[in-house]
Amino acid sequence: MSSESTTTATDDGFDHVIHAPVRLRICAALDPVQEIEFGTLLEVLGVSKSALSKHISVLTDAGYVEQRRAVRDTRQRLWLGLTKTGRSAYQGHVAALRRIVGGS
């Protein structure tokens, strides 16, 4: 588990860490669930393992994603979930995007 850090959002909620397309999609996939397995997220996003790992590392370093390792079906699995800070930052970023495009 990582420690939560300070936010990287601007005053209006726009978050430059989350805004990168793959990271935005990661947060969107994690927002409605408590956690998701790395392999499942890999399939959902259709990116390479190395690309997903890189983006997860950025989100983890920002304090937005936490990782949990657990054994399932005799194999070590990596589970990912948004931290409280990450969920708040993601939702604030989505709200900022809606304001930018004129949505409510």
PDB file of N, CA and C in Angstrom:
ATOM      1  N   MET A   1       0.828  -1.168   0.000  1.00  0.00           N
ATOM      2  CA  MET A   1       0.000   0.000   0.000  1.00  0.00           C
ATOM      3  C   MET A   1       0.882   1.243   0.000  1.00  0.00           C
ATOM      4  N   SER A   2       0.469   2.211  -0.750  1.00  0.00           N
ATOM      5  CA  SER A   2       1.240   3.451  -0.798  1.00  0.00           C
ATOM      6  C   SER A   2       0.622   4.472   0.130  1.00  0.00           C
ATOM      7  N   SER A   3       1.404   5.429   0.508  1.00  0.00           N
ATOM      8  CA  SER A   3       0.849   6.507   1.313  1.00  0.00           C
ATOM      9  C   SER A   3       0.255   7.544   0.372  1.00  0.00           C
ATOM     10  N   GLU A   4      -0.798   8.177   0.843  1.00  0.00           N
ATOM     11  CA  GLU A   4      -1.455   9.171   0.009  1.00  0.00           C
ATOM     12  C   GLU A   4      -0.671  10.473   0.066  1.00  0.00           C
ATOM     13  N   SER A   5      -0.535  11.112  -1.089  1.00  0.00           N
ATOM     14  CA  SER A   5       0.211  12.367  -1.156  1.00  0.00           C
ATOM     15  C   SER A   5      -0.739  13.517  -1.423  1.00  0.00           C
ATOM     16  N   THR A   6      -0.174  14.690  -1.539  1.00  0.00           N
ATOM     17  CA  THR A   6      -0.993  15.858  -1.826  1.00  0.00           C
ATOM     18  C   THR A   6      -1.494  15.799  -3.255  1.00  0.00           C
ATOM     19  N   THR A   7      -2.553  16.499  -3.528  1.00  0.00           N
ATOM     20  CA  THR A   7      -3.174  16.482  -4.842  1.00  0.00           C
ATOM     21  C   THR A   7      -2.324  17.197  -5.892  1.00  0.00           C
ATOM     22  N   THR A   8      -2.498  16.792  -7.127  1.00  0.00           N
ATOM     23  CA  THR A   8      -1.802  17.437  -8.235  1.00  0.00           C
ATOM     24  C   THR A   8      -2.778  18.239  -9.090  1.00  0.00           C
ATOM     25  N   ALA A   9      -3.957  18.473  -8.553  1.00  0.00           N
ATOM     26  CA  ALA A   9      -4.990  19.182  -9.304  1.00  0.00           C
ATOM     27  C   ALA A   9      -4.810  20.693  -9.197  1.00  0.00           C
ATOM     28  N   THR A  10      -5.290  21.380 -10.222  1.00  0.00           N
ATOM     29  CA  THR A  10      -5.339  22.835 -10.183  1.00  0.00           C
ATOM     30  C   THR A  10      -6.554  23.241  -9.351  1.00  0.00           C
ATOM     31  N   ASP A  11      -6.708  24.522  -9.114  1.00  0.00           N
ATOM     32  CA  ASP A  11      -7.825  25.008  -8.296  1.00  0.00           C
ATOM     33  C   ASP A  11      -9.187  24.605  -8.851  1.00  0.00           C
ATOM     34  N   ASP A  12      -9.280  24.428 -10.170  1.00  0.00           N
ATOM     35  CA  ASP A  12     -10.565  24.074 -10.764  1.00  0.00           C
ATOM     36  C   ASP A  12     -10.806  22.572 -10.824  1.00  0.00           C
ATOM     37  N   GLY A  13      -9.879  21.761 -10.301  1.00  0.00           N
ATOM     38  CA  GLY A  13     -10.056  20.313 -10.281  1.00  0.00           C
ATOM     39  C   GLY A  13      -9.357  19.572 -11.394  1.00  0.00           C
ATOM     40  N   PHE A  14      -8.859  20.301 -12.397  1.00  0.00           N
ATOM     41  CA  PHE A  14      -8.161  19.654 -13.508  1.00  0.00           C
ATOM     42  C   PHE A  14      -6.863  19.054 -12.978  1.00  0.00           C
ATOM     43  N   ASP A  15      -6.648  17.764 -13.233  1.00  0.00           N
ATOM     44  CA  ASP A  15      -5.495  17.059 -12.683  1.00  0.00           C
ATOM     45  C   ASP A  15      -4.604  16.552 -13.817  1.00  0.00           C
ATOM     46  N   HIS A  16      -3.393  17.082 -13.883  1.00  0.00           N
ATOM     47  CA  HIS A  16      -2.474  16.733 -14.972  1.00  0.00           C
ATOM     48  C   HIS A  16      -1.974  15.296 -14.895  1.00  0.00           C
ATOM     49  N   VAL A  17      -1.928  14.723 -13.714  1.00  0.00           N
ATOM     50  CA  VAL A  17      -1.523  13.319 -13.595  1.00  0.00           C
ATOM     51  C   VAL A  17      -2.607  12.415 -14.154  1.00  0.00           C
ATOM     52  N   ILE A  18      -3.836  12.666 -13.808  1.00  0.00           N
ATOM     53  CA  ILE A  18      -4.948  11.833 -14.266  1.00  0.00           C
ATOM     54  C   ILE A  18      -5.257  12.065 -15.739  1.00  0.00           C
ATOM     55  N   HIS A  19      -5.003  13.251 -16.250  1.00  0.00           N
ATOM     56  CA  HIS A  19      -5.433  13.616 -17.599  1.00  0.00           C
ATOM     57  C   HIS A  19      -4.833  12.778 -18.723  1.00  0.00           C
ATOM     58  N   ALA A  20      -3.659  12.205 -18.548  1.00  0.00           N
ATOM     59  CA  ALA A  20      -3.078  11.362 -19.602  1.00  0.00           C
ATOM     60  C   ALA A  20      -4.099  10.275 -19.957  1.00  0.00           C
ATOM     61  N   PRO A  21      -4.341  10.036 -21.252  1.00  0.00           N
ATOM     62  CA  PRO A  21      -5.436   9.148 -21.663  1.00  0.00           C
ATOM     63  C   PRO A  21      -5.477   7.783 -20.969  1.00  0.00           C
ATOM     64  N   VAL A  22      -4.373   7.083 -20.877  1.00  0.00           N
ATOM     65  CA  VAL A  22      -4.394   5.760 -20.244  1.00  0.00           C
ATOM     66  C   VAL A  22      -4.678   5.888 -18.754  1.00  0.00           C
ATOM     67  N   ARG A  23      -4.100   6.894 -18.097  1.00  0.00           N
ATOM     68  CA  ARG A  23      -4.353   7.074 -16.663  1.00  0.00           C
ATOM     69  C   ARG A  23      -5.808   7.470 -16.410  1.00  0.00           C
ATOM     70  N   LEU A  24      -6.373   8.263 -17.291  1.00  0.00           N
ATOM     71  CA  LEU A  24      -7.781   8.624 -17.168  1.00  0.00           C
ATOM     72  C   LEU A  24      -8.652   7.376 -17.290  1.00  0.00           C
ATOM     73  N   ARG A  25      -8.311   6.502 -18.225  1.00  0.00           N
ATOM     74  CA  ARG A  25      -9.068   5.257 -18.413  1.00  0.00           C
ATOM     75  C   ARG A  25      -8.884   4.311 -17.227  1.00  0.00           C
ATOM     76  N   ILE A  26      -7.695   4.286 -16.639  1.00  0.00           N
ATOM     77  CA  ILE A  26      -7.463   3.467 -15.449  1.00  0.00           C
ATOM     78  C   ILE A  26      -8.371   3.943 -14.323  1.00  0.00           C
ATOM     79  N   CYS A  27      -8.370   5.238 -14.083  1.00  0.00           N
ATOM     80  CA  CYS A  27      -9.204   5.802 -13.012  1.00  0.00           C
ATOM     81  C   CYS A  27     -10.686   5.558 -13.281  1.00  0.00           C
ATOM     82  N   ALA A  28     -11.095   5.675 -14.534  1.00  0.00           N
ATOM     83  CA  ALA A  28     -12.497   5.434 -14.888  1.00  0.00           C
ATOM     84  C   ALA A  28     -12.880   3.983 -14.612  1.00  0.00           C
ATOM     85  N   ALA A  29     -11.973   3.068 -14.860  1.00  0.00           N
ATOM     86  CA  ALA A  29     -12.245   1.647 -14.600  1.00  0.00           C
ATOM     87  C   ALA A  29     -12.269   1.354 -13.099  1.00  0.00           C
ATOM     88  N   LEU A  30     -11.435   2.050 -12.335  1.00  0.00           N
ATOM     89  CA  LEU A  30     -11.346   1.797 -10.898  1.00  0.00           C
ATOM     90  C   LEU A  30     -12.418   2.523 -10.087  1.00  0.00           C
ATOM     91  N   ASP A  31     -12.946   3.614 -10.600  1.00  0.00           N
ATOM     92  CA  ASP A  31     -13.886   4.424  -9.826  1.00  0.00           C
ATOM     93  C   ASP A  31     -15.117   3.650  -9.349  1.00  0.00           C
ATOM     94  N   PRO A  32     -15.768   2.854 -10.196  1.00  0.00           N
ATOM     95  CA  PRO A  32     -16.997   2.204  -9.731  1.00  0.00           C
ATOM     96  C   PRO A  32     -16.788   0.944  -8.876  1.00  0.00           C
ATOM     97  N   VAL A  33     -15.550   0.519  -8.691  1.00  0.00           N
ATOM     98  CA  VAL A  33     -15.279  -0.718  -7.959  1.00  0.00           C
ATOM     99  C   VAL A  33     -14.341  -0.451  -6.784  1.00  0.00           C
ATOM    100  N   GLN A  34     -14.282  -1.396  -5.860  1.00  0.00           N
ATOM    101  CA  GLN A  34     -13.346  -1.259  -4.742  1.00  0.00           C
ATOM    102  C   GLN A  34     -11.931  -1.560  -5.219  1.00  0.00           C
ATOM    103  N   GLU A  35     -11.783  -2.627  -6.017  1.00  0.00           N
ATOM    104  CA  GLU A  35     -10.488  -2.958  -6.601  1.00  0.00           C
ATOM    105  C   GLU A  35     -10.699  -3.868  -7.799  1.00  0.00           C
ATOM    106  N   ILE A  36      -9.651  -3.968  -8.618  1.00  0.00           N
ATOM    107  CA  ILE A  36      -9.698  -4.786  -9.822  1.00  0.00           C
ATOM    108  C   ILE A  36      -8.335  -5.453 -10.003  1.00  0.00           C
ATOM    109  N   GLU A  37      -8.342  -6.641 -10.537  1.00  0.00           N
ATOM    110  CA  GLU A  37      -7.097  -7.360 -10.755  1.00  0.00           C
ATOM    111  C   GLU A  37      -6.347  -6.765 -11.956  1.00  0.00           C
ATOM    112  N   PHE A  38      -5.022  -6.697 -11.844  1.00  0.00           N
ATOM    113  CA  PHE A  38      -4.172  -6.145 -12.901  1.00  0.00           C
ATOM    114  C   PHE A  38      -4.498  -6.776 -14.256  1.00  0.00           C
ATOM    115  N   GLY A  39      -4.604  -8.109 -14.307  1.00  0.00           N
ATOM    116  CA  GLY A  39      -4.875  -8.801 -15.570  1.00  0.00           C
ATOM    117  C   GLY A  39      -6.204  -8.404 -16.189  1.00  0.00           C
ATOM    118  N   THR A  40      -7.195  -8.204 -15.354  1.00  0.00           N
ATOM    119  CA  THR A  40      -8.506  -7.774 -15.844  1.00  0.00           C
ATOM    120  C   THR A  40      -8.421  -6.358 -16.407  1.00  0.00           C
ATOM    121  N   LEU A  41      -7.733  -5.493 -15.693  1.00  0.00           N
ATOM    122  CA  LEU A  41      -7.554  -4.121 -16.168  1.00  0.00           C
ATOM    123  C   LEU A  41      -6.779  -4.102 -17.481  1.00  0.00           C
ATOM    124  N   LEU A  42      -5.817  -4.984 -17.600  1.00  0.00           N
ATOM    125  CA  LEU A  42      -5.033  -5.116 -18.830  1.00  0.00           C
ATOM    126  C   LEU A  42      -5.946  -5.452 -20.009  1.00  0.00           C
ATOM    127  N   GLU A  43      -6.851  -6.391 -19.803  1.00  0.00           N
ATOM    128  CA  GLU A  43      -7.793  -6.779 -20.863  1.00  0.00           C
ATOM    129  C   GLU A  43      -8.764  -5.654 -21.199  1.00  0.00           C
ATOM    130  N   VAL A  44      -9.278  -4.988 -20.185  1.00  0.00           N
ATOM    131  CA  VAL A  44     -10.248  -3.907 -20.385  1.00  0.00           C
ATOM    132  C   VAL A  44      -9.634  -2.767 -21.194  1.00  0.00           C
ATOM    133  N   LEU A  45      -8.383  -2.409 -20.869  1.00  0.00           N
ATOM    134  CA  LEU A  45      -7.747  -1.257 -21.510  1.00  0.00           C
ATOM    135  C   LEU A  45      -7.077  -1.602 -22.834  1.00  0.00           C
ATOM    136  N   GLY A  46      -6.669  -2.860 -23.011  1.00  0.00           N
ATOM    137  CA  GLY A  46      -6.026  -3.257 -24.258  1.00  0.00           C
ATOM    138  C   GLY A  46      -4.664  -2.618 -24.482  1.00  0.00           C
ATOM    139  N   VAL A  47      -3.910  -2.440 -23.393  1.00  0.00           N
ATOM    140  CA  VAL A  47      -2.557  -1.890 -23.495  1.00  0.00           C
ATOM    141  C   VAL A  47      -1.564  -2.976 -23.086  1.00  0.00           C
ATOM    142  N   SER A  48      -0.286  -2.730 -23.323  1.00  0.00           N
ATOM    143  CA  SER A  48       0.738  -3.701 -22.945  1.00  0.00           C
ATOM    144  C   SER A  48       0.943  -3.710 -21.436  1.00  0.00           C
ATOM    145  N   LYS A  49       1.501  -4.811 -20.926  1.00  0.00           N
ATOM    146  CA  LYS A  49       1.797  -4.896 -19.492  1.00  0.00           C
ATOM    147  C   LYS A  49       2.734  -3.781 -19.057  1.00  0.00           C
ATOM    148  N   SER A  50       3.747  -3.515 -19.876  1.00  0.00           N
ATOM    149  CA  SER A  50       4.723  -2.488 -19.496  1.00  0.00           C
ATOM    150  C   SER A  50       4.083  -1.101 -19.467  1.00  0.00           C
ATOM    151  N   ALA A  51       3.216  -0.803 -20.431  1.00  0.00           N
ATOM    152  CA  ALA A  51       2.541   0.502 -20.453  1.00  0.00           C
ATOM    153  C   ALA A  51       1.624   0.642 -19.237  1.00  0.00           C
ATOM    154  N   LEU A  52       0.864  -0.415 -18.934  1.00  0.00           N
ATOM    155  CA  LEU A  52      -0.036  -0.348 -17.790  1.00  0.00           C
ATOM    156  C   LEU A  52       0.760  -0.197 -16.496  1.00  0.00           C
ATOM    157  N   SER A  53       1.838  -0.947 -16.365  1.00  0.00           N
ATOM    158  CA  SER A  53       2.680  -0.858 -15.164  1.00  0.00           C
ATOM    159  C   SER A  53       3.230   0.547 -14.976  1.00  0.00           C
ATOM    160  N   LYS A  54       3.672   1.158 -16.074  1.00  0.00           N
ATOM    161  CA  LYS A  54       4.220   2.514 -16.014  1.00  0.00           C
ATOM    162  C   LYS A  54       3.169   3.508 -15.508  1.00  0.00           C
ATOM    163  N   HIS A  55       1.978   3.431 -16.055  1.00  0.00           N
ATOM    164  CA  HIS A  55       0.917   4.356 -15.667  1.00  0.00           C
ATOM    165  C   HIS A  55       0.437   4.097 -14.241  1.00  0.00           C
ATOM    166  N   ILE A  56       0.382   2.830 -13.847  1.00  0.00           N
ATOM    167  CA  ILE A  56       0.014   2.496 -12.466  1.00  0.00           C
ATOM    168  C   ILE A  56       1.051   3.067 -11.509  1.00  0.00           C
ATOM    169  N   SER A  57       2.329   2.991 -11.876  1.00  0.00           N
ATOM    170  CA  SER A  57       3.390   3.544 -11.025  1.00  0.00           C
ATOM    171  C   SER A  57       3.223   5.043 -10.829  1.00  0.00           C
ATOM    172  N   VAL A  58       2.888   5.764 -11.890  1.00  0.00           N
ATOM    173  CA  VAL A  58       2.677   7.217 -11.792  1.00  0.00           C
ATOM    174  C   VAL A  58       1.511   7.512 -10.849  1.00  0.00           C
ATOM    175  N   LEU A  59       0.410   6.765 -11.008  1.00  0.00           N
ATOM    176  CA  LEU A  59      -0.759   6.986 -10.158  1.00  0.00           C
ATOM    177  C   LEU A  59      -0.480   6.587  -8.705  1.00  0.00           C
ATOM    178  N   THR A  60       0.304   5.538  -8.508  1.00  0.00           N
ATOM    179  CA  THR A  60       0.675   5.105  -7.163  1.00  0.00           C
ATOM    180  C   THR A  60       1.578   6.141  -6.506  1.00  0.00           C
ATOM    181  N   ASP A  61       2.558   6.641  -7.260  1.00  0.00           N
ATOM    182  CA  ASP A  61       3.465   7.668  -6.727  1.00  0.00           C
ATOM    183  C   ASP A  61       2.716   8.939  -6.346  1.00  0.00           C
ATOM    184  N   ALA A  62       1.632   9.234  -7.051  1.00  0.00           N
ATOM    185  CA  ALA A  62       0.823  10.420  -6.741  1.00  0.00           C
ATOM    186  C   ALA A  62      -0.107  10.165  -5.547  1.00  0.00           C
ATOM    187  N   GLY A  63      -0.163   8.918  -5.090  1.00  0.00           N
ATOM    188  CA  GLY A  63      -1.049   8.582  -3.979  1.00  0.00           C
ATOM    189  C   GLY A  63      -2.475   8.311  -4.407  1.00  0.00           C
ATOM    190  N   TYR A  64      -2.690   8.081  -5.685  1.00  0.00           N
ATOM    191  CA  TYR A  64      -4.036   7.889  -6.224  1.00  0.00           C
ATOM    192  C   TYR A  64      -4.456   6.426  -6.299  1.00  0.00           C
ATOM    193  N   VAL A  65      -3.500   5.520  -6.427  1.00  0.00           N
ATOM    194  CA  VAL A  65      -3.800   4.097  -6.553  1.00  0.00           C
ATOM    195  C   VAL A  65      -3.007   3.340  -5.500  1.00  0.00           C
ATOM    196  N   GLU A  66      -3.650   2.343  -4.907  1.00  0.00           N
ATOM    197  CA  GLU A  66      -2.947   1.456  -3.993  1.00  0.00           C
ATOM    198  C   GLU A  66      -2.947   0.052  -4.586  1.00  0.00           C
ATOM    199  N   GLN A  67      -1.928  -0.695  -4.256  1.00  0.00           N
ATOM    200  CA  GLN A  67      -1.754  -2.038  -4.785  1.00  0.00           C
ATOM    201  C   GLN A  67      -1.791  -3.045  -3.640  1.00  0.00           C
ATOM    202  N   ARG A  68      -2.397  -4.205  -3.920  1.00  0.00           N
ATOM    203  CA  ARG A  68      -2.446  -5.289  -2.951  1.00  0.00           C
ATOM    204  C   ARG A  68      -2.123  -6.581  -3.672  1.00  0.00           C
ATOM    205  N   ARG A  69      -1.195  -7.322  -3.142  1.00  0.00           N
ATOM    206  CA  ARG A  69      -0.847  -8.618  -3.723  1.00  0.00           C
ATOM    207  C   ARG A  69      -1.552  -9.712  -2.931  1.00  0.00           C
ATOM    208  N   ALA A  70      -2.112 -10.678  -3.656  1.00  0.00           N
ATOM    209  CA  ALA A  70      -2.795 -11.791  -3.012  1.00  0.00           C
ATOM    210  C   ALA A  70      -2.680 -13.020  -3.909  1.00  0.00           C
ATOM    211  N   VAL A  71      -2.757 -14.194  -3.293  1.00  0.00           N
ATOM    212  CA  VAL A  71      -2.709 -15.441  -4.052  1.00  0.00           C
ATOM    213  C   VAL A  71      -4.129 -15.817  -4.448  1.00  0.00           C
ATOM    214  N   ARG A  72      -4.295 -16.140  -5.718  1.00  0.00           N
ATOM    215  CA  ARG A  72      -5.583 -16.600  -6.236  1.00  0.00           C
ATOM    216  C   ARG A  72      -5.283 -17.690  -7.239  1.00  0.00           C
ATOM    217  N   ASP A  73      -5.961 -18.821  -7.116  1.00  0.00           N
ATOM    218  CA  ASP A  73      -5.731 -19.967  -7.996  1.00  0.00           C
ATOM    219  C   ASP A  73      -4.253 -20.335  -8.021  1.00  0.00           C
ATOM    220  N   THR A  74      -3.636 -20.368  -6.869  1.00  0.00           N
ATOM    221  CA  THR A  74      -2.223 -20.703  -6.658  1.00  0.00           C
ATOM    222  C   THR A  74      -1.235 -19.748  -7.328  1.00  0.00           C
ATOM    223  N   ARG A  75      -1.705 -18.632  -7.797  1.00  0.00           N
ATOM    224  CA  ARG A  75      -0.822 -17.643  -8.435  1.00  0.00           C
ATOM    225  C   ARG A  75      -0.904 -16.317  -7.707  1.00  0.00           C
ATOM    226  N   GLN A  76       0.237 -15.651  -7.672  1.00  0.00           N
ATOM    227  CA  GLN A  76       0.287 -14.307  -7.081  1.00  0.00           C
ATOM    228  C   GLN A  76      -0.422 -13.331  -8.018  1.00  0.00           C
ATOM    229  N   ARG A  77      -1.361 -12.576  -7.488  1.00  0.00           N
ATOM    230  CA  ARG A  77      -2.112 -11.599  -8.292  1.00  0.00           C
ATOM    231  C   ARG A  77      -1.929 -10.206  -7.700  1.00  0.00           C
ATOM    232  N   LEU A  78      -2.033  -9.214  -8.568  1.00  0.00           N
ATOM    233  CA  LEU A  78      -1.943  -7.819  -8.142  1.00  0.00           C
ATOM    234  C   LEU A  78      -3.321  -7.190  -8.289  1.00  0.00           C
ATOM    235  N   TRP A  79      -3.816  -6.656  -7.168  1.00  0.00           N
ATOM    236  CA  TRP A  79      -5.101  -5.982  -7.156  1.00  0.00           C
ATOM    237  C   TRP A  79      -4.862  -4.489  -7.011  1.00  0.00           C
ATOM    238  N   LEU A  80      -5.651  -3.694  -7.730  1.00  0.00           N
ATOM    239  CA  LEU A  80      -5.495  -2.247  -7.748  1.00  0.00           C
ATOM    240  C   LEU A  80      -6.796  -1.574  -7.334  1.00  0.00           C
ATOM    241  N   GLY A  81      -6.672  -0.492  -6.606  1.00  0.00           N
ATOM    242  CA  GLY A  81      -7.846   0.273  -6.217  1.00  0.00           C
ATOM    243  C   GLY A  81      -7.491   1.732  -6.050  1.00  0.00           C
ATOM    244  N   LEU A  82      -8.468   2.593  -6.229  1.00  0.00           N
ATOM    245  CA  LEU A  82      -8.257   4.015  -5.995  1.00  0.00           C
ATOM    246  C   LEU A  82      -8.207   4.269  -4.487  1.00  0.00           C
ATOM    247  N   THR A  83      -7.310   5.130  -4.080  1.00  0.00           N
ATOM    248  CA  THR A  83      -7.310   5.603  -2.702  1.00  0.00           C
ATOM    249  C   THR A  83      -8.432   6.626  -2.568  1.00  0.00           C
ATOM    250  N   LYS A  84      -8.709   7.031  -1.353  1.00  0.00           N
ATOM    251  CA  LYS A  84      -9.714   8.079  -1.138  1.00  0.00           C
ATOM    252  C   LYS A  84      -9.292   9.349  -1.875  1.00  0.00           C
ATOM    253  N   THR A  85      -8.007   9.678  -1.790  1.00  0.00           N
ATOM    254  CA  THR A  85      -7.473  10.847  -2.499  1.00  0.00           C
ATOM    255  C   THR A  85      -7.620  10.683  -4.004  1.00  0.00           C
ATOM    256  N   GLY A  86      -7.332   9.490  -4.504  1.00  0.00           N
ATOM    257  CA  GLY A  86      -7.427   9.215  -5.937  1.00  0.00           C
ATOM    258  C   GLY A  86      -8.837   9.313  -6.462  1.00  0.00           C
ATOM    259  N   ARG A  87      -9.776   8.773  -5.702  1.00  0.00           N
ATOM    260  CA  ARG A  87     -11.176   8.828  -6.126  1.00  0.00           C
ATOM    261  C   ARG A  87     -11.660  10.277  -6.168  1.00  0.00           C
ATOM    262  N   SER A  88     -11.286  11.042  -5.152  1.00  0.00           N
ATOM    263  CA  SER A  88     -11.666  12.452  -5.105  1.00  0.00           C
ATOM    264  C   SER A  88     -11.031  13.232  -6.259  1.00  0.00           C
ATOM    265  N   ALA A  89      -9.753  12.964  -6.526  1.00  0.00           N
ATOM    266  CA  ALA A  89      -9.055  13.649  -7.619  1.00  0.00           C
ATOM    267  C   ALA A  89      -9.680  13.292  -8.964  1.00  0.00           C
ATOM    268  N   TYR A  90     -10.000  12.015  -9.168  1.00  0.00           N
ATOM    269  CA  TYR A  90     -10.618  11.584 -10.422  1.00  0.00           C
ATOM    270  C   TYR A  90     -11.973  12.263 -10.615  1.00  0.00           C
ATOM    271  N   GLN A  91     -12.795  12.232  -9.587  1.00  0.00           N
ATOM    272  CA  GLN A  91     -14.123  12.840  -9.701  1.00  0.00           C
ATOM    273  C   GLN A  91     -14.032  14.350  -9.906  1.00  0.00           C
ATOM    274  N   GLY A  92     -13.060  14.993  -9.264  1.00  0.00           N
ATOM    275  CA  GLY A  92     -12.842  16.424  -9.482  1.00  0.00           C
ATOM    276  C   GLY A  92     -12.375  16.713 -10.898  1.00  0.00           C
ATOM    277  N   HIS A  93     -11.526  15.827 -11.442  1.00  0.00           N
ATOM    278  CA  HIS A  93     -11.029  15.993 -12.812  1.00  0.00           C
ATOM    279  C   HIS A  93     -12.172  15.847 -13.818  1.00  0.00           C
ATOM    280  N   VAL A  94     -13.014  14.846 -13.610  1.00  0.00           N
ATOM    281  CA  VAL A  94     -14.164  14.641 -14.502  1.00  0.00           C
ATOM    282  C   VAL A  94     -15.081  15.866 -14.459  1.00  0.00           C
ATOM    283  N   ALA A  95     -15.310  16.404 -13.273  1.00  0.00           N
ATOM    284  CA  ALA A  95     -16.142  17.609 -13.152  1.00  0.00           C
ATOM    285  C   ALA A  95     -15.500  18.785 -13.889  1.00  0.00           C
ATOM    286  N   ALA A  96     -14.164  18.910 -13.786  1.00  0.00           N
ATOM    287  CA  ALA A  96     -13.460  19.988 -14.496  1.00  0.00           C
ATOM    288  C   ALA A  96     -13.596  19.817 -16.008  1.00  0.00           C
ATOM    289  N   LEU A  97     -13.481  18.594 -16.491  1.00  0.00           N
ATOM    290  CA  LEU A  97     -13.640  18.329 -17.924  1.00  0.00           C
ATOM    291  C   LEU A  97     -15.049  18.696 -18.387  1.00  0.00           C
ATOM    292  N   ARG A  98     -16.040  18.364 -17.575  1.00  0.00           N
ATOM    293  CA  ARG A  98     -17.419  18.710 -17.926  1.00  0.00           C
ATOM    294  C   ARG A  98     -17.601  20.228 -18.011  1.00  0.00           C
ATOM    295  N   ARG A  99     -16.978  20.946 -17.102  1.00  0.00           N
ATOM    296  CA  ARG A  99     -17.068  22.421 -17.153  1.00  0.00           C
ATOM    297  C   ARG A  99     -16.377  22.953 -18.424  1.00  0.00           C
ATOM    298  N   ILE A 100     -15.255  22.347 -18.792  1.00  0.00           N
ATOM    299  CA  ILE A 100     -14.519  22.802 -19.972  1.00  0.00           C
ATOM    300  C   ILE A 100     -15.362  22.616 -21.231  1.00  0.00           C
ATOM    301  N   VAL A 101     -16.044  21.477 -21.338  1.00  0.00           N
ATOM    302  CA  VAL A 101     -16.833  21.206 -22.553  1.00  0.00           C
ATOM    303  C   VAL A 101     -18.258  21.728 -22.462  1.00  0.00           C
ATOM    304  N   GLY A 102     -18.592  22.389 -21.354  1.00  0.00           N
ATOM    305  CA  GLY A 102     -19.889  23.039 -21.247  1.00  0.00           C
ATOM    306  C   GLY A 102     -20.974  22.158 -20.700  1.00  0.00           C
ATOM    307  N   GLY A 103     -20.635  21.002 -20.136  1.00  0.00           N
ATOM    308  CA  GLY A 103     -21.645  20.134 -19.538  1.00  0.00           C
ATOM    309  C   GLY A 103     -22.003  20.626 -18.153  1.00  0.00           C
ATOM    310  N   SER A 104     -23.001  19.991 -17.588  1.00  0.00           N
ATOM    311  CA  SER A 104     -23.437  20.396 -16.249  1.00  0.00           C
ATOM    312  C   SER A 104     -22.666  19.668 -15.167  1.00  0.00           C
TER     313      SER A 104
END
